[in-house]
PDB file of N, CA and C in Angstrom:
ATOM      1  N   UNK A   1      69.396 -16.611  46.123  1.00  0.00           N
ATOM      2  CA  UNK A   1      69.706 -15.330  46.905  1.00  0.00           C
ATOM      3  C   UNK A   1      69.629 -15.686  48.321  1.00  0.00           C
ATOM      4  N   UNK A   2      70.596 -15.371  49.082  1.00  0.00           N
ATOM      5  CA  UNK A   2      70.621 -15.468  50.576  1.00  0.00           C
ATOM      6  C   UNK A   2      69.606 -14.410  51.069  1.00  0.00           C
ATOM      7  N   UNK A   3      68.978 -14.818  52.051  1.00  0.00           N
ATOM      8  CA  UNK A   3      68.017 -13.967  52.664  1.00  0.00           C
ATOM      9  C   UNK A   3      68.463 -12.712  53.414  1.00  0.00           C
ATOM     10  N   UNK A   4      69.794 -12.848  53.835  1.00  0.00           N
ATOM     11  CA  UNK A   4      70.431 -11.748  54.551  1.00  0.00           C
ATOM     12  C   UNK A   4      71.291 -10.926  53.733  1.00  0.00           C
ATOM     13  N   UNK A   5      71.311 -10.978  52.184  1.00  0.00           N
ATOM     14  CA  UNK A   5      72.142 -10.127  51.509  1.00  0.00           C
ATOM     15  C   UNK A   5      71.541  -8.931  51.278  1.00  0.00           C
ATOM     16  N   UNK A   6      72.269  -7.819  51.730  1.00  0.00           N
ATOM     17  CA  UNK A   6      71.802  -6.479  51.516  1.00  0.00           C
ATOM     18  C   UNK A   6      71.818  -6.153  50.118  1.00  0.00           C
ATOM     19  N   UNK A   7      72.729  -6.346  49.341  1.00  0.00           N
ATOM     20  CA  UNK A   7      72.656  -6.063  47.852  1.00  0.00           C
ATOM     21  C   UNK A   7      71.508  -6.694  47.184  1.00  0.00           C
ATOM     22  N   UNK A   8      71.250  -7.964  47.507  1.00  0.00           N
ATOM     23  CA  UNK A   8      70.043  -8.597  46.881  1.00  0.00           C
ATOM     24  C   UNK A   8      68.790  -7.916  47.238  1.00  0.00           C
ATOM     25  N   UNK A   9      68.724  -7.492  48.450  1.00  0.00           N
ATOM     26  CA  UNK A   9      67.545  -6.624  48.955  1.00  0.00           C
ATOM     27  C   UNK A   9      67.490  -5.198  48.076  1.00  0.00           C
ATOM     28  N   UNK A  10      68.464  -4.751  48.011  1.00  0.00           N
ATOM     29  CA  UNK A  10      68.570  -3.483  47.244  1.00  0.00           C
ATOM     30  C   UNK A  10      68.232  -3.694  45.713  1.00  0.00           C
ATOM     31  N   UNK A  11      68.812  -4.781  45.093  1.00  0.00           N
ATOM     32  CA  UNK A  11      68.600  -5.076  43.687  1.00  0.00           C
ATOM     33  C   UNK A  11      66.928  -5.378  43.509  1.00  0.00           C
ATOM     34  N   UNK A  12      66.388  -6.043  44.482  1.00  0.00           N
ATOM     35  CA  UNK A  12      64.963  -6.360  44.532  1.00  0.00           C
ATOM     36  C   UNK A  12      64.037  -5.299  44.999  1.00  0.00           C
ATOM     37  N   UNK A  13      64.547  -4.079  45.231  1.00  0.00           N
ATOM     38  CA  UNK A  13      63.896  -2.855  45.607  1.00  0.00           C
ATOM     39  C   UNK A  13      63.039  -3.129  46.916  1.00  0.00           C
ATOM     40  N   UNK A  14      63.796  -3.707  47.804  1.00  0.00           N
ATOM     41  CA  UNK A  14      63.204  -3.837  49.184  1.00  0.00           C
ATOM     42  C   UNK A  14      63.760  -2.847  50.060  1.00  0.00           C
ATOM     43  N   UNK A  15      64.565  -1.843  49.628  1.00  0.00           N
ATOM     44  CA  UNK A  15      65.120  -0.705  50.264  1.00  0.00           C
ATOM     45  C   UNK A  15      64.710   0.544  49.443  1.00  0.00           C
ATOM     46  N   UNK A  16      64.966   1.701  50.193  1.00  0.00           N
ATOM     47  CA  UNK A  16      64.639   2.834  49.283  1.00  0.00           C
ATOM     48  C   UNK A  16      65.727   3.502  48.597  1.00  0.00           C
ATOM     49  N   UNK A  17      66.795   2.633  48.166  1.00  0.00           N
ATOM     50  CA  UNK A  17      67.986   2.991  47.533  1.00  0.00           C
ATOM     51  C   UNK A  17      67.682   3.563  46.158  1.00  0.00           C
ATOM     52  N   UNK A  18      68.198   4.663  45.788  1.00  0.00           N
ATOM     53  CA  UNK A  18      67.965   5.293  44.536  1.00  0.00           C
ATOM     54  C   UNK A  18      69.111   5.015  43.606  1.00  0.00           C
ATOM     55  N   UNK A  19      68.634   4.243  42.438  1.00  0.00           N
ATOM     56  CA  UNK A  19      69.497   3.914  41.453  1.00  0.00           C
ATOM     57  C   UNK A  19      69.952   5.090  40.447  1.00  0.00           C
ATOM     58  N   UNK A  20      71.195   5.076  40.164  1.00  0.00           N
ATOM     59  CA  UNK A  20      71.524   5.970  39.178  1.00  0.00           C
ATOM     60  C   UNK A  20      71.524   5.402  37.800  1.00  0.00           C
ATOM     61  N   UNK A  21      71.373   3.884  37.682  1.00  0.00           N
ATOM     62  CA  UNK A  21      71.530   3.336  36.686  1.00  0.00           C
ATOM     63  C   UNK A  21      70.835   1.912  36.922  1.00  0.00           C
ATOM     64  N   UNK A  22      69.974   1.398  36.007  1.00  0.00           N
ATOM     65  CA  UNK A  22      69.425   0.015  36.041  1.00  0.00           C
ATOM     66  C   UNK A  22      69.085  -0.512  34.623  1.00  0.00           C
ATOM     67  N   UNK A  23      69.461  -1.801  34.455  1.00  0.00           N
ATOM     68  CA  UNK A  23      69.075  -2.570  33.416  1.00  0.00           C
ATOM     69  C   UNK A  23      68.723  -3.937  33.865  1.00  0.00           C
ATOM     70  N   UNK A  24      68.657  -4.840  32.884  1.00  0.00           N
ATOM     71  CA  UNK A  24      68.177  -6.253  33.278  1.00  0.00           C
ATOM     72  C   UNK A  24      69.367  -6.947  34.197  1.00  0.00           C
ATOM     73  N   UNK A  25      70.651  -6.570  34.042  1.00  0.00           N
ATOM     74  CA  UNK A  25      71.702  -7.134  34.624  1.00  0.00           C
ATOM     75  C   UNK A  25      72.379  -6.490  35.848  1.00  0.00           C
ATOM     76  N   UNK A  26      72.266  -5.184  35.737  1.00  0.00           N
ATOM     77  CA  UNK A  26      73.011  -4.310  36.767  1.00  0.00           C
ATOM     78  C   UNK A  26      72.131  -3.175  37.405  1.00  0.00           C
ATOM     79  N   UNK A  27      72.570  -2.929  38.638  1.00  0.00           N
ATOM     80  CA  UNK A  27      72.191  -1.577  39.325  1.00  0.00           C
ATOM     81  C   UNK A  27      73.346  -0.781  39.649  1.00  0.00           C
ATOM     82  N   UNK A  28      73.329   0.539  39.771  1.00  0.00           N
ATOM     83  CA  UNK A  28      74.316   1.419  40.224  1.00  0.00           C
ATOM     84  C   UNK A  28      73.866   2.435  41.200  1.00  0.00           C
ATOM     85  N   UNK A  29      74.428   2.586  42.289  1.00  0.00           N
ATOM     86  CA  UNK A  29      73.928   3.493  43.348  1.00  0.00           C
ATOM     87  C   UNK A  29      75.008   4.057  44.095  1.00  0.00           C
ATOM     88  N   UNK A  30      74.897   5.116  44.839  1.00  0.00           N
ATOM     89  CA  UNK A  30      76.062   5.812  45.513  1.00  0.00           C
ATOM     90  C   UNK A  30      76.255   4.868  46.848  1.00  0.00           C
ATOM     91  N   UNK A  31      77.697   4.999  47.155  1.00  0.00           N
ATOM     92  CA  UNK A  31      78.043   4.214  48.448  1.00  0.00           C
ATOM     93  C   UNK A  31      77.548   5.145  49.493  1.00  0.00           C
ATOM     94  N   UNK A  32      77.134   4.501  50.582  1.00  0.00           N
ATOM     95  CA  UNK A  32      76.481   5.341  51.764  1.00  0.00           C
ATOM     96  C   UNK A  32      77.671   5.855  52.644  1.00  0.00           C
ATOM     97  N   UNK A  33      78.995   5.347  52.417  1.00  0.00           N
ATOM     98  CA  UNK A  33      80.143   5.895  53.128  1.00  0.00           C
ATOM     99  C   UNK A  33      81.230   6.218  52.139  1.00  0.00           C
ATOM    100  N   UNK A  34      81.072   7.187  51.196  1.00  0.00           N
ATOM    101  CA  UNK A  34      81.971   7.539  50.125  1.00  0.00           C
ATOM    102  C   UNK A  34      83.380   7.996  50.582  1.00  0.00           C
ATOM    103  N   UNK A  35      84.232   7.191  49.730  1.00  0.00           N
ATOM    104  CA  UNK A  35      85.719   7.615  50.039  1.00  0.00           C
ATOM    105  C   UNK A  35      86.199   8.627  48.980  1.00  0.00           C
ATOM    106  N   UNK A  36      85.280   9.270  48.267  1.00  0.00           N
ATOM    107  CA  UNK A  36      85.700  10.246  47.291  1.00  0.00           C
ATOM    108  C   UNK A  36      84.442  11.094  46.917  1.00  0.00           C
ATOM    109  N   UNK A  37      84.597  12.167  46.304  1.00  0.00           N
ATOM    110  CA  UNK A  37      83.272  12.972  45.915  1.00  0.00           C
ATOM    111  C   UNK A  37      82.551  12.120  44.990  1.00  0.00           C
ATOM    112  N   UNK A  38      83.017  11.241  44.114  1.00  0.00           N
ATOM    113  CA  UNK A  38      82.212  10.220  43.437  1.00  0.00           C
ATOM    114  C   UNK A  38      82.644   8.866  43.917  1.00  0.00           C
ATOM    115  N   UNK A  39      81.575   8.067  44.393  1.00  0.00           N
ATOM    116  CA  UNK A  39      81.899   6.863  44.847  1.00  0.00           C
ATOM    117  C   UNK A  39      80.588   5.974  44.590  1.00  0.00           C
ATOM    118  N   UNK A  40      80.602   5.294  43.593  1.00  0.00           N
ATOM    119  CA  UNK A  40      79.380   4.510  43.116  1.00  0.00           C
ATOM    120  C   UNK A  40      79.702   3.022  43.346  1.00  0.00           C
ATOM    121  N   UNK A  41      78.620   2.337  43.636  1.00  0.00           N
ATOM    122  CA  UNK A  41      78.717   0.828  43.495  1.00  0.00           C
ATOM    123  C   UNK A  41      77.910   0.191  42.276  1.00  0.00           C
ATOM    124  N   UNK A  42      78.718  -0.653  41.558  1.00  0.00           N
ATOM    125  CA  UNK A  42      78.096  -1.163  40.429  1.00  0.00           C
ATOM    126  C   UNK A  42      77.917  -2.716  40.740  1.00  0.00           C
ATOM    127  N   UNK A  43      76.523  -3.063  40.825  1.00  0.00           N
ATOM    128  CA  UNK A  43      76.371  -4.439  41.369  1.00  0.00           C
ATOM    129  C   UNK A  43      75.400  -5.221  40.343  1.00  0.00           C
ATOM    130  N   UNK A  44      76.036  -6.471  40.139  1.00  0.00           N
ATOM    131  CA  UNK A  44      75.150  -7.356  39.150  1.00  0.00           C
ATOM    132  C   UNK A  44      74.043  -7.815  39.969  1.00  0.00           C
ATOM    133  N   UNK A  45      72.860  -7.874  39.269  1.00  0.00           N
ATOM    134  CA  UNK A  45      71.582  -8.340  40.015  1.00  0.00           C
ATOM    135  C   UNK A  45      71.806  -9.862  40.262  1.00  0.00           C
ATOM    136  N   UNK A  46      72.437 -10.439  39.492  1.00  0.00           N
ATOM    137  CA  UNK A  46      72.662 -12.001  39.930  1.00  0.00           C
ATOM    138  C   UNK A  46      73.553 -12.132  41.189  1.00  0.00           C
ATOM    139  N   UNK A  47      73.135 -12.891  42.049  1.00  0.00           N
ATOM    140  CA  UNK A  47      74.002 -12.918  43.243  1.00  0.00           C
ATOM    141  C   UNK A  47      75.151 -13.908  43.006  1.00  0.00           C
ATOM    142  N   UNK A  48      76.331 -13.213  43.155  1.00  0.00           N
ATOM    143  CA  UNK A  48      77.647 -13.922  43.014  1.00  0.00           C
ATOM    144  C   UNK A  48      78.415 -13.425  44.244  1.00  0.00           C
ATOM    145  N   UNK A  49      78.721 -14.442  45.189  1.00  0.00           N
ATOM    146  CA  UNK A  49      79.341 -14.010  46.525  1.00  0.00           C
ATOM    147  C   UNK A  49      80.556 -13.100  46.458  1.00  0.00           C
ATOM    148  N   UNK A  50      81.496 -13.428  45.589  1.00  0.00           N
ATOM    149  CA  UNK A  50      82.798 -12.695  45.530  1.00  0.00           C
ATOM    150  C   UNK A  50      83.486 -13.180  44.327  1.00  0.00           C
ATOM    151  N   UNK A  51      84.683 -12.497  44.147  1.00  0.00           N
ATOM    152  CA  UNK A  51      85.581 -12.881  43.065  1.00  0.00           C
ATOM    153  C   UNK A  51      85.637 -14.375  42.984  1.00  0.00           C
ATOM    154  N   UNK A  52      86.028 -14.848  44.302  1.00  0.00           N
ATOM    155  CA  UNK A  52      86.344 -16.372  44.451  1.00  0.00           C
ATOM    156  C   UNK A  52      85.303 -17.180  43.989  1.00  0.00           C
ATOM    157  N   UNK A  53      84.078 -16.728  43.845  1.00  0.00           N
ATOM    158  CA  UNK A  53      83.031 -17.589  43.437  1.00  0.00           C
ATOM    159  C   UNK A  53      82.629 -17.528  42.000  1.00  0.00           C
ATOM    160  N   UNK A  54      83.496 -16.781  41.302  1.00  0.00           N
ATOM    161  CA  UNK A  54      83.247 -16.676  39.753  1.00  0.00           C
ATOM    162  C   UNK A  54      83.382 -18.094  38.989  1.00  0.00           C
ATOM    163  N   UNK A  55      82.491 -18.355  38.105  1.00  0.00           N
ATOM    164  CA  UNK A  55      82.437 -19.506  37.300  1.00  0.00           C
ATOM    165  C   UNK A  55      82.669 -18.900  35.705  1.00  0.00           C
ATOM    166  N   UNK A  56      83.127 -19.685  34.863  1.00  0.00           N
ATOM    167  CA  UNK A  56      83.106 -19.288  33.461  1.00  0.00           C
ATOM    168  C   UNK A  56      81.721 -18.664  32.877  1.00  0.00           C
ATOM    169  N   UNK A  57      80.648 -19.041  33.454  1.00  0.00           N
ATOM    170  CA  UNK A  57      79.379 -18.529  33.045  1.00  0.00           C
ATOM    171  C   UNK A  57      79.202 -17.064  33.304  1.00  0.00           C
ATOM    172  N   UNK A  58      80.133 -16.587  34.270  1.00  0.00           N
ATOM    173  CA  UNK A  58      80.052 -15.165  34.885  1.00  0.00           C
ATOM    174  C   UNK A  58      80.818 -14.231  33.961  1.00  0.00           C
ATOM    175  N   UNK A  59      81.470 -14.765  33.004  1.00  0.00           N
ATOM    176  CA  UNK A  59      82.556 -13.828  32.249  1.00  0.00           C
ATOM    177  C   UNK A  59      81.771 -12.698  31.766  1.00  0.00           C
ATOM    178  N   UNK A  60      80.635 -12.698  31.101  1.00  0.00           N
ATOM    179  CA  UNK A  60      79.913 -11.563  30.567  1.00  0.00           C
ATOM    180  C   UNK A  60      79.426 -10.685  31.539  1.00  0.00           C
ATOM    181  N   UNK A  61      79.033 -11.190  32.652  1.00  0.00           N
ATOM    182  CA  UNK A  61      78.543 -10.330  33.760  1.00  0.00           C
ATOM    183  C   UNK A  61      79.813  -9.487  34.333  1.00  0.00           C
ATOM    184  N   UNK A  62      80.884 -10.118  34.456  1.00  0.00           N
ATOM    185  CA  UNK A  62      81.981  -9.392  35.025  1.00  0.00           C
ATOM    186  C   UNK A  62      82.667  -8.285  33.968  1.00  0.00           C
ATOM    187  N   UNK A  63      82.722  -8.755  32.833  1.00  0.00           N
ATOM    188  CA  UNK A  63      83.201  -7.920  31.619  1.00  0.00           C
ATOM    189  C   UNK A  63      82.389  -6.697  31.551  1.00  0.00           C
ATOM    190  N   UNK A  64      80.896  -6.866  31.691  1.00  0.00           N
ATOM    191  CA  UNK A  64      79.934  -5.903  31.413  1.00  0.00           C
ATOM    192  C   UNK A  64      80.110  -4.861  32.608  1.00  0.00           C
ATOM    193  N   UNK A  65      80.582  -5.259  33.822  1.00  0.00           N
ATOM    194  CA  UNK A  65      80.839  -4.246  34.885  1.00  0.00           C
ATOM    195  C   UNK A  65      82.025  -3.263  34.408  1.00  0.00           C
ATOM    196  N   UNK A  66      83.046  -3.697  33.769  1.00  0.00           N
ATOM    197  CA  UNK A  66      83.952  -2.650  33.339  1.00  0.00           C
ATOM    198  C   UNK A  66      83.444  -1.701  32.265  1.00  0.00           C
ATOM    199  N   UNK A  67      82.669  -2.300  31.393  1.00  0.00           N
ATOM    200  CA  UNK A  67      82.102  -1.412  30.422  1.00  0.00           C
ATOM    201  C   UNK A  67      81.155  -0.283  30.966  1.00  0.00           C
ATOM    202  N   UNK A  68      80.273  -0.965  31.917  1.00  0.00           N
ATOM    203  CA  UNK A  68      79.388   0.090  32.629  1.00  0.00           C
ATOM    204  C   UNK A  68      80.163   1.052  33.447  1.00  0.00           C
ATOM    205  N   UNK A  69      81.315   0.703  34.104  1.00  0.00           N
ATOM    206  CA  UNK A  69      82.185   1.592  34.781  1.00  0.00           C
ATOM    207  C   UNK A  69      82.575   2.707  33.981  1.00  0.00           C
ATOM    208  N   UNK A  70      83.019   2.421  32.738  1.00  0.00           N
ATOM    209  CA  UNK A  70      83.400   3.503  31.806  1.00  0.00           C
ATOM    210  C   UNK A  70      82.167   4.464  31.464  1.00  0.00           C
ATOM    211  N   UNK A  71      81.062   3.930  31.297  1.00  0.00           N
ATOM    212  CA  UNK A  71      79.825   4.666  31.117  1.00  0.00           C
ATOM    213  C   UNK A  71      79.471   5.543  32.119  1.00  0.00           C
ATOM    214  N   UNK A  72      79.551   4.993  33.410  1.00  0.00           N
ATOM    215  CA  UNK A  72      79.155   5.727  34.546  1.00  0.00           C
ATOM    216  C   UNK A  72      80.224   6.919  34.862  1.00  0.00           C
ATOM    217  N   UNK A  73      81.484   6.665  34.653  1.00  0.00           N
ATOM    218  CA  UNK A  73      82.577   7.498  34.755  1.00  0.00           C
ATOM    219  C   UNK A  73      82.287   8.736  33.854  1.00  0.00           C
ATOM    220  N   UNK A  74      81.851   8.494  32.625  1.00  0.00           N
ATOM    221  CA  UNK A  74      81.596   9.507  31.641  1.00  0.00           C
ATOM    222  C   UNK A  74      80.326  10.398  32.117  1.00  0.00           C
ATOM    223  N   UNK A  75      79.305   9.673  32.584  1.00  0.00           N
ATOM    224  CA  UNK A  75      78.158  10.269  32.998  1.00  0.00           C
ATOM    225  C   UNK A  75      78.438  11.201  34.272  1.00  0.00           C
ATOM    226  N   UNK A  76      79.397  10.747  35.179  1.00  0.00           N
ATOM    227  CA  UNK A  76      79.636  11.553  36.378  1.00  0.00           C
ATOM    228  C   UNK A  76      80.772  12.582  36.067  1.00  0.00           C
ATOM    229  N   UNK A  77      81.246  12.702  34.697  1.00  0.00           N
ATOM    230  CA  UNK A  77      82.316  13.653  34.258  1.00  0.00           C
ATOM    231  C   UNK A  77      83.589  13.388  35.033  1.00  0.00           C
ATOM    232  N   UNK A  78      84.019  12.288  35.290  1.00  0.00           N
ATOM    233  CA  UNK A  78      85.211  11.950  35.935  1.00  0.00           C
ATOM    234  C   UNK A  78      86.223  10.967  34.855  1.00  0.00           C
ATOM    235  N   UNK A  79      85.626  10.722  33.768  1.00  0.00           N
ATOM    236  CA  UNK A  79      86.459   9.960  32.854  1.00  0.00           C
ATOM    237  C   UNK A  79      87.667  10.570  32.417  1.00  0.00           C
ATOM    238  N   UNK A  80      87.760  11.945  32.353  1.00  0.00           N
ATOM    239  CA  UNK A  80      89.117  12.508  31.894  1.00  0.00           C
ATOM    240  C   UNK A  80      89.950  12.894  33.046  1.00  0.00           C
ATOM    241  N   UNK A  81      89.337  13.133  34.153  1.00  0.00           N
ATOM    242  CA  UNK A  81      90.251  13.463  35.334  1.00  0.00           C
ATOM    243  C   UNK A  81      90.785  12.309  35.978  1.00  0.00           C
ATOM    244  N   UNK A  82      90.148  11.106  35.926  1.00  0.00           N
ATOM    245  CA  UNK A  82      90.627   9.866  36.220  1.00  0.00           C
ATOM    246  C   UNK A  82      89.800   9.307  37.569  1.00  0.00           C
ATOM    247  N   UNK A  83      89.853   8.036  37.579  1.00  0.00           N
ATOM    248  CA  UNK A  83      89.075   7.256  38.776  1.00  0.00           C
ATOM    249  C   UNK A  83      89.726   5.947  38.967  1.00  0.00           C
ATOM    250  N   UNK A  84      89.295   5.309  40.064  1.00  0.00           N
ATOM    251  CA  UNK A  84      89.739   4.059  40.446  1.00  0.00           C
ATOM    252  C   UNK A  84      88.614   3.097  40.409  1.00  0.00           C
ATOM    253  N   UNK A  85      88.912   1.813  39.923  1.00  0.00           N
ATOM    254  CA  UNK A  85      88.050   0.658  40.074  1.00  0.00           C
ATOM    255  C   UNK A  85      88.515  -0.258  41.048  1.00  0.00           C
ATOM    256  N   UNK A  86      87.555  -0.780  41.939  1.00  0.00           N
ATOM    257  CA  UNK A  86      88.208  -1.603  43.011  1.00  0.00           C
ATOM    258  C   UNK A  86      87.140  -2.797  43.374  1.00  0.00           C
ATOM    259  N   UNK A  87      87.600  -3.927  43.426  1.00  0.00           N
ATOM    260  CA  UNK A  87      86.920  -5.056  44.033  1.00  0.00           C
ATOM    261  C   UNK A  87      87.543  -5.405  45.334  1.00  0.00           C
ATOM    262  N   UNK A  88      86.819  -5.430  46.389  1.00  0.00           N
ATOM    263  CA  UNK A  88      87.357  -6.020  47.703  1.00  0.00           C
ATOM    264  C   UNK A  88      87.132  -7.568  47.654  1.00  0.00           C
ATOM    265  N   UNK A  89      87.914  -8.356  48.101  1.00  0.00           N
ATOM    266  CA  UNK A  89      87.591  -9.745  48.047  1.00  0.00           C
ATOM    267  C   UNK A  89      87.933 -10.364  49.304  1.00  0.00           C
ATOM    268  N   UNK A  90      86.928 -11.013  49.944  1.00  0.00           N
ATOM    269  CA  UNK A  90      86.872 -11.558  51.280  1.00  0.00           C
ATOM    270  C   UNK A  90      87.247 -10.583  52.379  1.00  0.00           C
ATOM    271  N   UNK A  91      86.973 -10.986  53.635  1.00  0.00           N
ATOM    272  CA  UNK A  91      87.157 -10.103  54.775  1.00  0.00           C
ATOM    273  C   UNK A  91      88.496  -9.458  54.820  1.00  0.00           C
ATOM    274  N   UNK A  92      89.588 -10.412  54.520  1.00  0.00           N
ATOM    275  CA  UNK A  92      90.854  -9.649  54.547  1.00  0.00           C
ATOM    276  C   UNK A  92      91.269  -8.673  53.517  1.00  0.00           C
ATOM    277  N   UNK A  93      90.525  -8.714  52.507  1.00  0.00           N
ATOM    278  CA  UNK A  93      90.764  -7.702  51.341  1.00  0.00           C
ATOM    279  C   UNK A  93      89.686  -6.586  51.445  1.00  0.00           C
ATOM    280  N   UNK A  94      88.918  -6.508  52.736  1.00  0.00           N
ATOM    281  CA  UNK A  94      88.093  -5.454  52.794  1.00  0.00           C
ATOM    282  C   UNK A  94      86.568  -5.677  52.408  1.00  0.00           C
ATOM    283  N   UNK A  95      86.223  -6.800  51.998  1.00  0.00           N
ATOM    284  CA  UNK A  95      84.921  -7.150  51.535  1.00  0.00           C
ATOM    285  C   UNK A  95      84.064  -7.232  52.700  1.00  0.00           C
ATOM    286  N   UNK A  96      82.804  -6.286  52.797  1.00  0.00           N
ATOM    287  CA  UNK A  96      82.048  -6.226  53.848  1.00  0.00           C
ATOM    288  C   UNK A  96      80.542  -6.892  53.540  1.00  0.00           C
ATOM    289  N   UNK A  97      80.212  -6.573  52.211  1.00  0.00           N
ATOM    290  CA  UNK A  97      78.966  -7.131  51.818  1.00  0.00           C
ATOM    291  C   UNK A  97      79.233  -8.259  50.862  1.00  0.00           C
ATOM    292  N   UNK A  98      78.836  -9.476  51.077  1.00  0.00           N
ATOM    293  CA  UNK A  98      79.142 -10.749  50.171  1.00  0.00           C
ATOM    294  C   UNK A  98      78.289 -11.030  49.114  1.00  0.00           C
ATOM    295  N   UNK A  99      78.335  -9.953  48.208  1.00  0.00           N
ATOM    296  CA  UNK A  99      77.648  -9.944  46.900  1.00  0.00           C
ATOM    297  C   UNK A  99      78.556  -9.073  45.951  1.00  0.00           C
ATOM    298  N   UNK A 100      79.025  -9.692  44.996  1.00  0.00           N
ATOM    299  CA  UNK A 100      80.079  -9.010  44.029  1.00  0.00           C
ATOM    300  C   UNK A 100      79.627  -7.528  43.763  1.00  0.00           C
ATOM    301  N   UNK A 101      80.573  -6.684  43.823  1.00  0.00           N
ATOM    302  CA  UNK A 101      80.298  -5.402  43.337  1.00  0.00           C
ATOM    303  C   UNK A 101      81.580  -4.656  43.083  1.00  0.00           C
ATOM    304  N   UNK A 102      81.584  -3.700  42.243  1.00  0.00           N
ATOM    305  CA  UNK A 102      82.700  -2.896  41.799  1.00  0.00           C
ATOM    306  C   UNK A 102      82.521  -1.499  42.231  1.00  0.00           C
ATOM    307  N   UNK A 103      83.637  -0.941  42.924  1.00  0.00           N
ATOM    308  CA  UNK A 103      83.558   0.385  43.417  1.00  0.00           C
ATOM    309  C   UNK A 103      84.136   1.333  42.248  1.00  0.00           C
ATOM    310  N   UNK A 104      83.450   2.284  41.848  1.00  0.00           N
ATOM    311  CA  UNK A 104      83.935   3.350  40.932  1.00  0.00           C
ATOM    312  C   UNK A 104      84.150   4.713  41.849  1.00  0.00           C
ATOM    313  N   UNK A 105      85.351   5.005  42.015  1.00  0.00           N
ATOM    314  CA  UNK A 105      85.857   5.985  42.770  1.00  0.00           C
ATOM    315  C   UNK A 105      86.573   7.158  42.166  1.00  0.00           C
ATOM    316  N   UNK A 106      86.306   8.338  42.321  1.00  0.00           N
ATOM    317  CA  UNK A 106      87.008   9.520  41.718  1.00  0.00           C
ATOM    318  C   UNK A 106      86.402  10.926  41.957  1.00  0.00           C
ATOM    319  N   UNK A 107      86.795  11.831  41.213  1.00  0.00           N
ATOM    320  CA  UNK A 107      86.210  13.105  41.401  1.00  0.00           C
ATOM    321  C   UNK A 107      87.158  14.151  42.446  1.00  0.00           C
ATOM    322  N   UNK A 108      88.323  13.556  42.657  1.00  0.00           N
ATOM    323  CA  UNK A 108      89.135  14.504  43.448  1.00  0.00           C
ATOM    324  C   UNK A 108      89.655  15.774  42.615  1.00  0.00           C
ATOM    325  N   UNK A 109      89.636  16.771  43.198  1.00  0.00           N
ATOM    326  CA  UNK A 109      90.382  18.032  42.373  1.00  0.00           C
ATOM    327  C   UNK A 109      91.755  18.027  42.548  1.00  0.00           C
ATOM    328  N   UNK A 110      92.434  18.263  41.341  1.00  0.00           N
ATOM    329  CA  UNK A 110      93.810  18.259  41.298  1.00  0.00           C
ATOM    330  C   UNK A 110      94.379  19.668  41.514  1.00  0.00           C
TER     331      UNK A 110
END
């Protein structure tokens, strides 16, 4: 774990971030700069820098993010209206915090 990784600090409860979900592998919390009425960050507890740093051993962690995203969409009641899932990869792709995380974005009224 890098000393300066904000998400590692959040995962390790070194901030006052309120989790909407936590288990042994993931935490979920609200984005502090939401792009939509529902904007959650799904973060593996294991530090993986970005998509570019994935190894075969990470397959279940990444697959679990998608399953968790569906569960959180149902919990937030946006599963039927629709939502986006987004990974930002590296600076040019909009990644600001270099700890793998999946954005769950939705809740717009139609």
